[in-house]
Amino acid sequence: MNGSVAYLVTTLGCLIGVAGVVVAVVAVRKGRKAARPAAPADPFRDTDSDALRGDPRSLKPGDIVEIRRVSYAVRGSVHLHEGGWSWAEHLLDTVEGDKRWLSVEEDPDLELVLWTAEPAATITPGASTLDFAGRRYASEESGQARFTATGSTGLDPSGTVRYHDYRAQGGERLSFEAYGQAGWEAARGEQLHRADVMVYPQAGPEAS
């Protein structure tokens, strides 16, 4: 009888030991997965401005953005990707119906540009320089990117866009975009200072 009890105790002890090893292995595996390094952060990112003025990188439809004391609602957002690069363009609207686009890009510093459409422009991109509205613009870059659109932008939910960007002395921009099979649309851009932009995130399903 005592031998049987001793056998049972020994067997139970072995089972508990095996279970402990299994739990320890699972814990180590989960710990390794949880310890996966995060994406590198920009050590020079202006986190103070983000905290005080809101983060333009996080803009989404429904947010309010104030630019040089003019308040705009974000009607829609377009997120673009080309190779390893990504940037965003947001359709802004005032209560008076004044529509602008705000582009947000890190290259590597944060770059904010306020765009005004030029629907009457008859020039098309391709030349190394273009003369428009009394200024000469030099070709800067061109390419094709994939995009996804949310909110009210007038675009398909996803697709491709061709672009060609020009810059004048002093930094003024001239950009051309052609979404899908549509023709070129021109816009003039003005680079903003970080202090020009204040973001007011609105509560909603996409709010963080």
N, C-alpha and C. Protein backbone atom coordinates (compact mmCIF):
# COMPACT_ATOMS: atom_id res chain seq x y z
N MET A 1 0.84 -1.20 0.00
CA MET A 1 0.00 0.00 0.00
C MET A 1 0.88 1.26 0.00
N ASN A 2 1.90 1.25 0.94
CA ASN A 2 2.79 2.40 1.00
C ASN A 2 3.56 2.58 -0.31
N GLY A 3 3.91 1.43 -0.95
CA GLY A 3 4.61 1.50 -2.24
C GLY A 3 3.74 2.14 -3.30
N SER A 4 2.46 1.81 -3.32
CA SER A 4 1.52 2.39 -4.30
C SER A 4 1.38 3.89 -4.09
N VAL A 5 1.29 4.29 -2.82
CA VAL A 5 1.17 5.72 -2.53
C VAL A 5 2.42 6.47 -2.97
N ALA A 6 3.57 5.87 -2.67
CA ALA A 6 4.82 6.51 -3.07
C ALA A 6 4.91 6.64 -4.58
N TYR A 7 4.45 5.62 -5.31
CA TYR A 7 4.46 5.65 -6.78
C TYR A 7 3.57 6.76 -7.31
N LEU A 8 2.36 6.88 -6.70
CA LEU A 8 1.42 7.92 -7.14
C LEU A 8 1.99 9.31 -6.88
N VAL A 9 2.61 9.46 -5.69
CA VAL A 9 3.18 10.77 -5.37
C VAL A 9 4.30 11.13 -6.34
N THR A 10 5.14 10.13 -6.65
CA THR A 10 6.25 10.38 -7.58
C THR A 10 5.74 10.75 -8.97
N THR A 11 4.71 10.00 -9.44
CA THR A 11 4.13 10.26 -10.77
C THR A 11 3.51 11.64 -10.83
N LEU A 12 2.75 11.99 -9.76
CA LEU A 12 2.13 13.32 -9.73
C LEU A 12 3.18 14.42 -9.75
N GLY A 13 4.27 14.18 -9.00
CA GLY A 13 5.34 15.18 -8.99
C GLY A 13 5.95 15.37 -10.37
N CYS A 14 6.12 14.28 -11.09
CA CYS A 14 6.68 14.38 -12.45
C CYS A 14 5.75 15.17 -13.37
N LEU A 15 4.43 14.89 -13.25
CA LEU A 15 3.46 15.59 -14.10
C LEU A 15 3.46 17.09 -13.81
N ILE A 16 3.52 17.43 -12.51
CA ILE A 16 3.56 18.85 -12.15
C ILE A 16 4.82 19.51 -12.69
N GLY A 17 5.95 18.78 -12.64
CA GLY A 17 7.20 19.33 -13.17
C GLY A 17 7.13 19.59 -14.65
N VAL A 18 6.56 18.62 -15.40
CA VAL A 18 6.42 18.78 -16.86
C VAL A 18 5.52 19.97 -17.17
N ALA A 19 4.39 20.07 -16.42
CA ALA A 19 3.47 21.19 -16.66
C ALA A 19 4.17 22.52 -16.41
N GLY A 20 5.01 22.57 -15.37
CA GLY A 20 5.73 23.80 -15.07
C GLY A 20 6.68 24.19 -16.19
N VAL A 21 7.36 23.19 -16.77
CA VAL A 21 8.27 23.47 -17.89
C VAL A 21 7.50 24.01 -19.08
N VAL A 22 6.33 23.40 -19.38
CA VAL A 22 5.52 23.86 -20.52
C VAL A 22 5.08 25.30 -20.31
N VAL A 23 4.59 25.61 -19.08
CA VAL A 23 4.16 26.98 -18.78
C VAL A 23 5.32 27.95 -18.93
N ALA A 24 6.49 27.54 -18.46
CA ALA A 24 7.66 28.42 -18.55
C ALA A 24 8.04 28.68 -19.99
N VAL A 25 8.00 27.64 -20.84
CA VAL A 25 8.34 27.80 -22.27
C VAL A 25 7.37 28.74 -22.95
N VAL A 26 6.06 28.55 -22.68
CA VAL A 26 5.04 29.43 -23.28
C VAL A 26 5.25 30.86 -22.84
N ALA A 27 5.56 31.04 -21.54
CA ALA A 27 5.79 32.39 -21.03
C ALA A 27 6.97 33.05 -21.71
N VAL A 28 8.05 32.28 -21.89
CA VAL A 28 9.24 32.83 -22.56
C VAL A 28 8.92 33.23 -23.99
N ARG A 29 8.16 32.34 -24.70
CA ARG A 29 7.81 32.66 -26.09
C ARG A 29 6.97 33.93 -26.16
N LYS A 30 5.97 34.03 -25.25
CA LYS A 30 5.13 35.23 -25.26
C LYS A 30 5.96 36.46 -24.92
N GLY A 31 6.90 36.28 -23.98
CA GLY A 31 7.75 37.40 -23.60
C GLY A 31 8.61 37.87 -24.75
N ARG A 32 9.14 36.93 -25.53
CA ARG A 32 9.95 37.30 -26.69
C ARG A 32 9.12 38.03 -27.73
N LYS A 33 7.88 37.56 -27.93
CA LYS A 33 7.01 38.21 -28.91
C LYS A 33 6.67 39.62 -28.47
N ALA A 34 6.39 39.78 -27.17
CA ALA A 34 6.03 41.10 -26.66
C ALA A 34 7.21 42.05 -26.67
N ALA A 35 8.43 41.49 -26.62
CA ALA A 35 9.61 42.33 -26.56
C ALA A 35 10.14 42.72 -27.94
N ARG A 36 9.38 42.44 -28.99
CA ARG A 36 9.81 42.79 -30.35
C ARG A 36 10.04 44.29 -30.43
N PRO A 37 11.18 44.74 -30.95
CA PRO A 37 11.49 46.17 -30.93
C PRO A 37 10.49 46.98 -31.75
N ALA A 38 10.18 48.17 -31.23
CA ALA A 38 9.25 49.06 -31.92
C ALA A 38 9.96 49.77 -33.06
N ALA A 39 9.16 50.39 -33.94
CA ALA A 39 9.72 51.14 -35.06
C ALA A 39 10.55 52.30 -34.52
N PRO A 40 11.67 52.64 -35.16
CA PRO A 40 12.52 53.71 -34.64
C PRO A 40 11.80 55.04 -34.65
N ALA A 41 12.00 55.83 -33.60
CA ALA A 41 11.37 57.14 -33.48
C ALA A 41 12.38 58.22 -33.86
N ASP A 42 11.87 59.32 -34.40
CA ASP A 42 12.72 60.44 -34.77
C ASP A 42 13.17 61.16 -33.49
N PRO A 43 14.46 61.15 -33.17
CA PRO A 43 14.91 61.79 -31.92
C PRO A 43 14.75 63.29 -31.93
N PHE A 44 14.54 63.90 -33.12
CA PHE A 44 14.40 65.34 -33.22
C PHE A 44 12.95 65.77 -33.42
N ARG A 45 12.01 64.83 -33.29
CA ARG A 45 10.60 65.17 -33.47
C ARG A 45 10.17 66.18 -32.40
N ASP A 46 9.43 67.20 -32.84
CA ASP A 46 9.01 68.27 -31.95
C ASP A 46 7.77 67.84 -31.19
N THR A 47 7.97 67.03 -30.15
CA THR A 47 6.83 66.51 -29.39
C THR A 47 6.13 67.61 -28.59
N ASP A 48 6.86 68.68 -28.23
CA ASP A 48 6.23 69.77 -27.49
C ASP A 48 5.16 70.45 -28.34
N SER A 49 5.49 70.70 -29.62
CA SER A 49 4.51 71.31 -30.52
C SER A 49 3.32 70.38 -30.74
N ASP A 50 3.58 69.07 -30.85
CA ASP A 50 2.50 68.12 -31.03
C ASP A 50 1.56 68.16 -29.84
N ALA A 51 2.12 68.26 -28.62
CA ALA A 51 1.30 68.28 -27.42
C ALA A 51 0.50 69.58 -27.30
N LEU A 52 1.11 70.70 -27.69
CA LEU A 52 0.46 71.99 -27.53
C LEU A 52 -0.47 72.34 -28.68
N ARG A 53 -0.10 71.94 -29.91
CA ARG A 53 -0.84 72.38 -31.09
C ARG A 53 -1.52 71.24 -31.83
N GLY A 54 -1.43 70.00 -31.31
CA GLY A 54 -2.01 68.87 -32.02
C GLY A 54 -1.06 68.33 -33.06
N ASP A 55 -1.26 67.10 -33.46
CA ASP A 55 -0.34 66.43 -34.38
C ASP A 55 -0.95 66.35 -35.78
N PRO A 56 -0.42 67.10 -36.76
CA PRO A 56 -0.97 67.04 -38.12
C PRO A 56 -0.86 65.67 -38.75
N ARG A 57 0.07 64.83 -38.27
CA ARG A 57 0.23 63.49 -38.82
C ARG A 57 -1.00 62.62 -38.52
N SER A 58 -1.78 63.01 -37.52
CA SER A 58 -2.93 62.21 -37.10
C SER A 58 -4.26 62.76 -37.59
N LEU A 59 -4.23 63.74 -38.49
CA LEU A 59 -5.47 64.33 -39.00
C LEU A 59 -6.35 63.28 -39.66
N LYS A 60 -7.66 63.44 -39.50
CA LYS A 60 -8.62 62.51 -40.10
C LYS A 60 -9.92 63.26 -40.38
N PRO A 61 -10.79 62.72 -41.22
CA PRO A 61 -12.07 63.37 -41.49
C PRO A 61 -12.85 63.65 -40.21
N GLY A 62 -13.38 64.87 -40.13
CA GLY A 62 -14.13 65.27 -38.95
C GLY A 62 -13.35 66.16 -38.02
N ASP A 63 -12.01 66.14 -38.11
CA ASP A 63 -11.20 67.01 -37.27
C ASP A 63 -11.33 68.46 -37.72
N ILE A 64 -10.96 69.37 -36.82
CA ILE A 64 -10.90 70.79 -37.14
C ILE A 64 -9.44 71.21 -37.11
N VAL A 65 -9.03 71.96 -38.13
CA VAL A 65 -7.66 72.46 -38.17
C VAL A 65 -7.71 73.96 -38.41
N GLU A 66 -6.95 74.69 -37.63
CA GLU A 66 -6.88 76.14 -37.75
C GLU A 66 -5.55 76.52 -38.38
N ILE A 67 -5.61 77.25 -39.49
CA ILE A 67 -4.41 77.67 -40.20
C ILE A 67 -4.42 79.18 -40.31
N ARG A 68 -3.49 79.80 -39.63
CA ARG A 68 -3.38 81.27 -39.63
C ARG A 68 -4.73 81.91 -39.27
N ARG A 69 -5.32 81.37 -38.22
CA ARG A 69 -6.56 81.88 -37.61
C ARG A 69 -7.80 81.66 -38.46
N VAL A 70 -7.69 80.84 -39.47
CA VAL A 70 -8.86 80.43 -40.26
C VAL A 70 -9.16 78.97 -39.92
N SER A 71 -10.40 78.69 -39.53
CA SER A 71 -10.77 77.34 -39.13
C SER A 71 -11.33 76.56 -40.32
N TYR A 72 -10.83 75.33 -40.48
CA TYR A 72 -11.28 74.45 -41.54
C TYR A 72 -11.74 73.12 -40.92
N ALA A 73 -12.74 72.51 -41.55
CA ALA A 73 -13.11 71.14 -41.21
C ALA A 73 -12.43 70.21 -42.20
N VAL A 74 -11.93 69.08 -41.71
CA VAL A 74 -11.33 68.08 -42.59
C VAL A 74 -12.47 67.26 -43.19
N ARG A 75 -12.73 67.45 -44.48
CA ARG A 75 -13.81 66.75 -45.15
C ARG A 75 -13.43 65.32 -45.53
N GLY A 76 -12.18 65.14 -45.93
CA GLY A 76 -11.70 63.83 -46.35
C GLY A 76 -10.19 63.78 -46.34
N SER A 77 -9.65 62.58 -46.35
CA SER A 77 -8.20 62.39 -46.31
C SER A 77 -7.77 61.38 -47.36
N VAL A 78 -6.62 61.63 -47.95
CA VAL A 78 -6.03 60.72 -48.93
C VAL A 78 -4.64 60.34 -48.43
N HIS A 79 -4.40 59.05 -48.27
CA HIS A 79 -3.10 58.56 -47.84
C HIS A 79 -2.41 57.90 -49.03
N LEU A 80 -1.19 58.33 -49.31
CA LEU A 80 -0.48 57.91 -50.51
C LEU A 80 0.80 57.17 -50.14
N HIS A 81 1.15 56.19 -50.99
CA HIS A 81 2.33 55.37 -50.76
C HIS A 81 3.05 55.15 -52.09
N GLU A 82 4.36 55.35 -52.06
CA GLU A 82 5.19 55.09 -53.24
C GLU A 82 6.51 54.51 -52.75
N GLY A 83 6.73 53.22 -53.01
CA GLY A 83 7.92 52.58 -52.48
C GLY A 83 7.92 52.63 -50.97
N GLY A 84 9.00 53.14 -50.38
CA GLY A 84 9.06 53.26 -48.94
C GLY A 84 8.56 54.59 -48.40
N TRP A 85 8.02 55.46 -49.28
CA TRP A 85 7.57 56.78 -48.85
C TRP A 85 6.06 56.79 -48.69
N SER A 86 5.60 57.61 -47.76
CA SER A 86 4.16 57.80 -47.59
C SER A 86 3.89 59.24 -47.15
N TRP A 87 2.75 59.75 -47.54
CA TRP A 87 2.35 61.09 -47.15
C TRP A 87 0.82 61.17 -47.20
N ALA A 88 0.27 62.28 -46.74
CA ALA A 88 -1.18 62.42 -46.68
C ALA A 88 -1.59 63.79 -47.23
N GLU A 89 -2.79 63.82 -47.80
CA GLU A 89 -3.39 65.07 -48.27
C GLU A 89 -4.81 65.12 -47.72
N HIS A 90 -5.17 66.26 -47.13
CA HIS A 90 -6.46 66.40 -46.47
C HIS A 90 -7.27 67.52 -47.13
N LEU A 91 -8.52 67.22 -47.49
CA LEU A 91 -9.41 68.23 -48.07
C LEU A 91 -10.03 69.04 -46.94
N LEU A 92 -9.78 70.36 -46.97
CA LEU A 92 -10.27 71.26 -45.93
C LEU A 92 -11.39 72.12 -46.48
N ASP A 93 -12.30 72.52 -45.60
CA ASP A 93 -13.46 73.31 -46.02
C ASP A 93 -13.82 74.29 -44.90
N THR A 94 -14.06 75.55 -45.25
CA THR A 94 -14.54 76.52 -44.27
C THR A 94 -16.06 76.57 -44.30
N VAL A 95 -16.64 77.30 -43.35
CA VAL A 95 -18.10 77.43 -43.32
C VAL A 95 -18.60 78.22 -44.54
N GLU A 96 -17.70 79.02 -45.13
CA GLU A 96 -18.06 79.76 -46.35
C GLU A 96 -17.89 78.93 -47.62
N GLY A 97 -17.37 77.70 -47.48
CA GLY A 97 -17.19 76.84 -48.65
C GLY A 97 -15.86 77.01 -49.35
N ASP A 98 -14.90 77.65 -48.68
CA ASP A 98 -13.55 77.82 -49.26
C ASP A 98 -12.78 76.51 -49.07
N LYS A 99 -12.50 75.82 -50.15
CA LYS A 99 -11.84 74.52 -50.08
C LYS A 99 -10.36 74.63 -50.39
N ARG A 100 -9.55 73.98 -49.56
CA ARG A 100 -8.11 73.89 -49.75
C ARG A 100 -7.68 72.45 -49.49
N TRP A 101 -6.44 72.15 -49.84
CA TRP A 101 -5.82 70.86 -49.49
C TRP A 101 -4.62 71.14 -48.62
N LEU A 102 -4.43 70.32 -47.60
CA LEU A 102 -3.25 70.39 -46.75
C LEU A 102 -2.47 69.09 -46.90
N SER A 103 -1.22 69.18 -47.35
CA SER A 103 -0.38 67.98 -47.45
C SER A 103 0.53 67.90 -46.23
N VAL A 104 0.71 66.68 -45.76
CA VAL A 104 1.51 66.41 -44.56
C VAL A 104 2.52 65.33 -44.93
N GLU A 105 3.79 65.66 -44.81
CA GLU A 105 4.84 64.72 -45.22
C GLU A 105 6.05 64.87 -44.30
N GLU A 106 6.74 63.77 -44.05
CA GLU A 106 8.00 63.79 -43.31
C GLU A 106 9.11 63.36 -44.26
N ASP A 107 10.10 64.28 -44.50
CA ASP A 107 11.09 63.98 -45.52
C ASP A 107 12.47 64.57 -45.20
N PRO A 108 13.14 64.28 -44.08
CA PRO A 108 12.60 63.58 -42.91
C PRO A 108 11.86 64.49 -41.96
N ASP A 109 12.06 65.84 -42.08
CA ASP A 109 11.37 66.77 -41.20
C ASP A 109 9.91 66.92 -41.65
N LEU A 110 9.06 67.31 -40.71
CA LEU A 110 7.66 67.52 -41.02
C LEU A 110 7.51 68.69 -41.98
N GLU A 111 6.78 68.46 -43.08
CA GLU A 111 6.54 69.50 -44.08
C GLU A 111 5.03 69.64 -44.30
N LEU A 112 4.53 70.85 -44.10
CA LEU A 112 3.11 71.16 -44.25
C LEU A 112 2.96 72.18 -45.38
N VAL A 113 2.11 71.86 -46.36
CA VAL A 113 1.88 72.76 -47.50
C VAL A 113 0.39 72.94 -47.69
N LEU A 114 -0.04 74.20 -47.80
CA LEU A 114 -1.44 74.53 -48.06
C LEU A 114 -1.61 74.79 -49.55
N TRP A 115 -2.54 74.03 -50.17
CA TRP A 115 -2.69 74.07 -51.62
C TRP A 115 -4.01 74.74 -52.01
N THR A 116 -3.93 75.50 -53.10
CA THR A 116 -5.11 76.13 -53.69
C THR A 116 -5.24 75.65 -55.13
N ALA A 117 -6.38 75.08 -55.46
CA ALA A 117 -6.60 74.55 -56.81
C ALA A 117 -6.58 75.67 -57.84
N GLU A 118 -6.08 75.36 -59.03
CA GLU A 118 -6.04 76.29 -60.16
C GLU A 118 -6.80 75.64 -61.33
N PRO A 119 -8.13 75.62 -61.24
CA PRO A 119 -8.91 74.92 -62.27
C PRO A 119 -8.82 75.55 -63.65
N ALA A 120 -8.44 76.82 -63.73
CA ALA A 120 -8.36 77.49 -65.03
C ALA A 120 -7.00 77.31 -65.70
N ALA A 121 -6.06 76.65 -65.04
CA ALA A 121 -4.73 76.48 -65.62
C ALA A 121 -4.80 75.61 -66.87
N THR A 122 -4.12 76.05 -67.91
CA THR A 122 -4.11 75.31 -69.17
C THR A 122 -2.78 74.63 -69.45
N ILE A 123 -1.80 74.83 -68.59
CA ILE A 123 -0.49 74.20 -68.78
C ILE A 123 -0.52 72.76 -68.29
N THR A 124 0.37 71.96 -68.81
CA THR A 124 0.50 70.56 -68.38
C THR A 124 1.96 70.31 -67.99
N PRO A 125 2.21 69.35 -67.10
CA PRO A 125 3.57 69.10 -66.64
C PRO A 125 4.38 68.31 -67.66
N GLY A 126 5.68 68.26 -67.41
CA GLY A 126 6.58 67.48 -68.25
C GLY A 126 7.85 68.23 -68.57
N ALA A 127 7.74 69.53 -68.83
CA ALA A 127 8.94 70.33 -69.14
C ALA A 127 9.77 70.54 -67.88
N SER A 128 11.05 70.85 -68.07
CA SER A 128 11.93 71.06 -66.93
C SER A 128 11.58 72.35 -66.18
N THR A 129 11.02 73.34 -66.89
CA THR A 129 10.55 74.56 -66.24
C THR A 129 9.19 74.93 -66.81
N LEU A 130 8.39 75.60 -65.98
CA LEU A 130 7.08 76.08 -66.41
C LEU A 130 6.89 77.51 -65.91
N ASP A 131 6.28 78.35 -66.77
CA ASP A 131 5.92 79.71 -66.37
C ASP A 131 4.43 79.75 -66.09
N PHE A 132 4.08 80.22 -64.88
CA PHE A 132 2.67 80.27 -64.51
C PHE A 132 2.44 81.43 -63.55
N ALA A 133 1.43 82.23 -63.85
CA ALA A 133 1.02 83.37 -63.01
C ALA A 133 2.21 84.28 -62.68
N GLY A 134 3.06 84.52 -63.68
CA GLY A 134 4.16 85.45 -63.52
C GLY A 134 5.38 84.88 -62.80
N ARG A 135 5.41 83.58 -62.57
CA ARG A 135 6.55 82.98 -61.89
C ARG A 135 7.06 81.80 -62.69
N ARG A 136 8.36 81.52 -62.55
CA ARG A 136 8.95 80.36 -63.22
C ARG A 136 9.19 79.26 -62.18
N TYR A 137 8.74 78.08 -62.53
CA TYR A 137 8.85 76.92 -61.64
C TYR A 137 9.76 75.88 -62.29
N ALA A 138 10.61 75.27 -61.47
CA ALA A 138 11.51 74.22 -61.94
C ALA A 138 11.01 72.86 -61.46
N SER A 139 11.14 71.87 -62.34
CA SER A 139 10.70 70.52 -62.00
C SER A 139 11.48 70.01 -60.79
N GLU A 140 10.75 69.41 -59.84
CA GLU A 140 11.40 68.91 -58.63
C GLU A 140 11.34 67.39 -58.55
N GLU A 141 10.15 66.80 -58.74
CA GLU A 141 10.02 65.35 -58.71
C GLU A 141 8.71 64.94 -59.36
N SER A 142 8.65 63.68 -59.81
CA SER A 142 7.44 63.14 -60.41
C SER A 142 7.41 61.65 -60.15
N GLY A 143 6.23 61.06 -60.31
CA GLY A 143 6.12 59.63 -60.09
C GLY A 143 4.67 59.19 -60.07
N GLN A 144 4.45 58.00 -59.57
CA GLN A 144 3.11 57.43 -59.46
C GLN A 144 2.99 56.74 -58.11
N ALA A 145 1.90 56.99 -57.42
CA ALA A 145 1.70 56.42 -56.08
C ALA A 145 0.34 55.75 -56.02
N ARG A 146 0.20 54.87 -55.04
CA ARG A 146 -1.09 54.27 -54.72
C ARG A 146 -1.72 55.07 -53.60
N PHE A 147 -3.06 55.14 -53.60
CA PHE A 147 -3.73 55.93 -52.57
C PHE A 147 -4.95 55.19 -52.02
N THR A 148 -5.31 55.56 -50.81
CA THR A 148 -6.59 55.17 -50.21
C THR A 148 -7.24 56.45 -49.71
N ALA A 149 -8.55 56.57 -49.91
CA ALA A 149 -9.27 57.78 -49.54
C ALA A 149 -10.35 57.46 -48.52
N THR A 150 -10.51 58.34 -47.55
CA THR A 150 -11.58 58.22 -46.56
C THR A 150 -12.31 59.55 -46.45
N GLY A 151 -13.54 59.50 -46.01
CA GLY A 151 -14.33 60.71 -45.91
C GLY A 151 -14.79 61.16 -47.28
N SER A 152 -15.06 62.46 -47.40
CA SER A 152 -15.58 63.03 -48.64
C SER A 152 -14.46 63.71 -49.41
N THR A 153 -13.96 63.02 -50.44
CA THR A 153 -12.88 63.58 -51.26
C THR A 153 -13.26 63.67 -52.74
N GLY A 154 -14.33 62.98 -53.15
CA GLY A 154 -14.67 62.91 -54.56
C GLY A 154 -13.86 61.88 -55.32
N LEU A 155 -13.04 61.11 -54.61
CA LEU A 155 -12.19 60.10 -55.25
C LEU A 155 -12.71 58.70 -54.96
N ASP A 156 -12.23 57.72 -55.74
CA ASP A 156 -12.51 56.32 -55.44
C ASP A 156 -11.86 55.97 -54.10
N PRO A 157 -12.34 54.91 -53.44
CA PRO A 157 -11.74 54.51 -52.16
C PRO A 157 -10.25 54.17 -52.28
N SER A 158 -9.81 53.72 -53.43
CA SER A 158 -8.40 53.40 -53.63
C SER A 158 -8.10 53.45 -55.12
N GLY A 159 -6.81 53.53 -55.43
CA GLY A 159 -6.40 53.58 -56.84
C GLY A 159 -4.98 54.11 -56.96
N THR A 160 -4.67 54.66 -58.12
CA THR A 160 -3.33 55.21 -58.37
C THR A 160 -3.43 56.67 -58.79
N VAL A 161 -2.36 57.40 -58.55
CA VAL A 161 -2.30 58.81 -58.94
C VAL A 161 -0.92 59.11 -59.49
N ARG A 162 -0.89 59.82 -60.61
CA ARG A 162 0.36 60.34 -61.14
C ARG A 162 0.54 61.76 -60.62
N TYR A 163 1.79 62.17 -60.41
CA TYR A 163 2.03 63.52 -59.90
C TYR A 163 3.30 64.09 -60.52
N HIS A 164 3.36 65.39 -60.55
CA HIS A 164 4.56 66.10 -61.01
C HIS A 164 4.63 67.40 -60.22
N ASP A 165 5.71 67.58 -59.46
CA ASP A 165 5.86 68.73 -58.58
C ASP A 165 6.93 69.68 -59.09
N TYR A 166 6.62 70.99 -58.98
CA TYR A 166 7.54 72.05 -59.37
C TYR A 166 7.71 73.00 -58.19
N ARG A 167 8.83 73.73 -58.20
CA ARG A 167 9.10 74.70 -57.14
C ARG A 167 9.71 75.96 -57.75
N ALA A 168 9.28 77.12 -57.24
CA ALA A 168 9.82 78.40 -57.68
C ALA A 168 10.82 78.91 -56.65
N GLN A 169 11.62 79.90 -57.04
CA GLN A 169 12.50 80.55 -56.07
C GLN A 169 11.65 81.16 -54.97
N GLY A 170 12.07 80.96 -53.73
CA GLY A 170 11.27 81.44 -52.61
C GLY A 170 10.43 80.34 -52.00
N GLY A 171 10.35 79.17 -52.70
CA GLY A 171 9.68 78.02 -52.11
C GLY A 171 8.25 77.78 -52.54
N GLU A 172 7.67 78.68 -53.34
CA GLU A 172 6.28 78.44 -53.77
C GLU A 172 6.21 77.19 -54.64
N ARG A 173 5.15 76.42 -54.48
CA ARG A 173 5.01 75.15 -55.18
C ARG A 173 3.95 75.22 -56.28
N LEU A 174 4.14 74.36 -57.24
CA LEU A 174 3.14 74.13 -58.29
C LEU A 174 3.09 72.63 -58.51
N SER A 175 1.91 72.04 -58.33
CA SER A 175 1.79 70.59 -58.39
C SER A 175 0.70 70.18 -59.35
N PHE A 176 0.92 69.05 -60.00
CA PHE A 176 -0.06 68.47 -60.91
C PHE A 176 -0.34 67.04 -60.45
N GLU A 177 -1.63 66.68 -60.43
CA GLU A 177 -2.03 65.32 -60.06
C GLU A 177 -3.07 64.82 -61.05
N ALA A 178 -3.00 63.53 -61.35
CA ALA A 178 -3.97 62.89 -62.24
C ALA A 178 -4.37 61.56 -61.59
N TYR A 179 -5.59 61.50 -61.06
CA TYR A 179 -6.07 60.29 -60.40
C TYR A 179 -6.71 59.35 -61.40
N GLY A 180 -6.28 58.11 -61.36
CA GLY A 180 -6.84 57.11 -62.26
C GLY A 180 -6.63 57.54 -63.71
N GLN A 181 -7.74 57.54 -64.47
CA GLN A 181 -7.68 57.91 -65.89
C GLN A 181 -8.03 59.38 -66.12
N ALA A 182 -8.20 60.14 -65.04
CA ALA A 182 -8.56 61.55 -65.18
C ALA A 182 -7.37 62.37 -65.68
N GLY A 183 -7.66 63.58 -66.15
CA GLY A 183 -6.61 64.46 -66.63
C GLY A 183 -5.89 65.17 -65.49
N TRP A 184 -4.89 65.96 -65.85
CA TRP A 184 -4.09 66.67 -64.85
C TRP A 184 -4.89 67.78 -64.19
N GLU A 185 -4.71 67.92 -62.89
CA GLU A 185 -5.27 69.03 -62.13
C GLU A 185 -4.13 69.77 -61.46
N ALA A 186 -4.13 71.10 -61.58
CA ALA A 186 -3.03 71.92 -61.06
C ALA A 186 -3.42 72.59 -59.75
N ALA A 187 -2.43 72.83 -58.90
CA ALA A 187 -2.64 73.55 -57.65
C ALA A 187 -1.36 74.25 -57.27
N ARG A 188 -1.50 75.42 -56.67
CA ARG A 188 -0.35 76.15 -56.15
C ARG A 188 -0.28 75.95 -54.65
N GLY A 189 0.95 75.82 -54.14
CA GLY A 189 1.12 75.53 -52.72
C GLY A 189 2.04 76.51 -52.02
N GLU A 190 1.72 76.72 -50.74
CA GLU A 190 2.54 77.58 -49.88
C GLU A 190 2.95 76.78 -48.66
N GLN A 191 4.26 76.69 -48.42
CA GLN A 191 4.74 75.95 -47.26
C GLN A 191 4.40 76.71 -45.98
N LEU A 192 3.94 75.95 -44.97
CA LEU A 192 3.54 76.54 -43.70
C LEU A 192 4.60 76.27 -42.64
N HIS A 193 4.66 77.16 -41.66
CA HIS A 193 5.44 76.91 -40.46
C HIS A 193 4.61 76.04 -39.52
N ARG A 194 5.31 75.30 -38.69
CA ARG A 194 4.59 74.45 -37.73
C ARG A 194 3.66 75.28 -36.86
N ALA A 195 4.07 76.50 -36.50
CA ALA A 195 3.25 77.35 -35.64
C ALA A 195 2.01 77.89 -36.34
N ASP A 196 1.94 77.75 -37.68
CA ASP A 196 0.76 78.22 -38.43
C ASP A 196 -0.44 77.30 -38.25
N VAL A 197 -0.20 76.08 -37.76
CA VAL A 197 -1.24 75.04 -37.79
C VAL A 197 -1.59 74.59 -36.38
N MET A 198 -2.89 74.62 -36.08
CA MET A 198 -3.40 74.10 -34.81
C MET A 198 -4.45 73.03 -35.13
N VAL A 199 -4.32 71.85 -34.50
CA VAL A 199 -5.20 70.73 -34.78
C VAL A 199 -6.12 70.50 -33.57
N TYR A 200 -7.42 70.34 -33.86
CA TYR A 200 -8.40 70.04 -32.82
C TYR A 200 -9.06 68.70 -33.17
N PRO A 201 -8.52 67.58 -32.65
CA PRO A 201 -9.11 66.27 -32.95
C PRO A 201 -10.54 66.20 -32.42
N GLN A 202 -11.42 65.59 -33.19
CA GLN A 202 -12.81 65.42 -32.79
C GLN A 202 -13.06 63.97 -32.42
N ALA A 203 -13.88 63.75 -31.41
CA ALA A 203 -14.21 62.39 -30.99
C ALA A 203 -14.98 61.69 -32.10
N GLY A 204 -14.71 60.39 -32.27
CA GLY A 204 -15.38 59.61 -33.31
C GLY A 204 -14.84 58.21 -33.35
N PRO A 205 -15.34 57.38 -34.27
CA PRO A 205 -14.90 55.99 -34.32
C PRO A 205 -13.43 55.82 -34.61
N GLU A 206 -12.78 56.82 -35.28
CA GLU A 206 -11.38 56.67 -35.61
C GLU A 206 -10.49 57.45 -34.65
N ALA A 207 -11.11 58.13 -33.67
CA ALA A 207 -10.30 58.91 -32.75
C ALA A 207 -9.47 58.01 -31.87
N SER A 208 -8.25 58.43 -31.57
CA SER A 208 -7.36 57.64 -30.73
C SER A 208 -7.52 58.05 -29.28
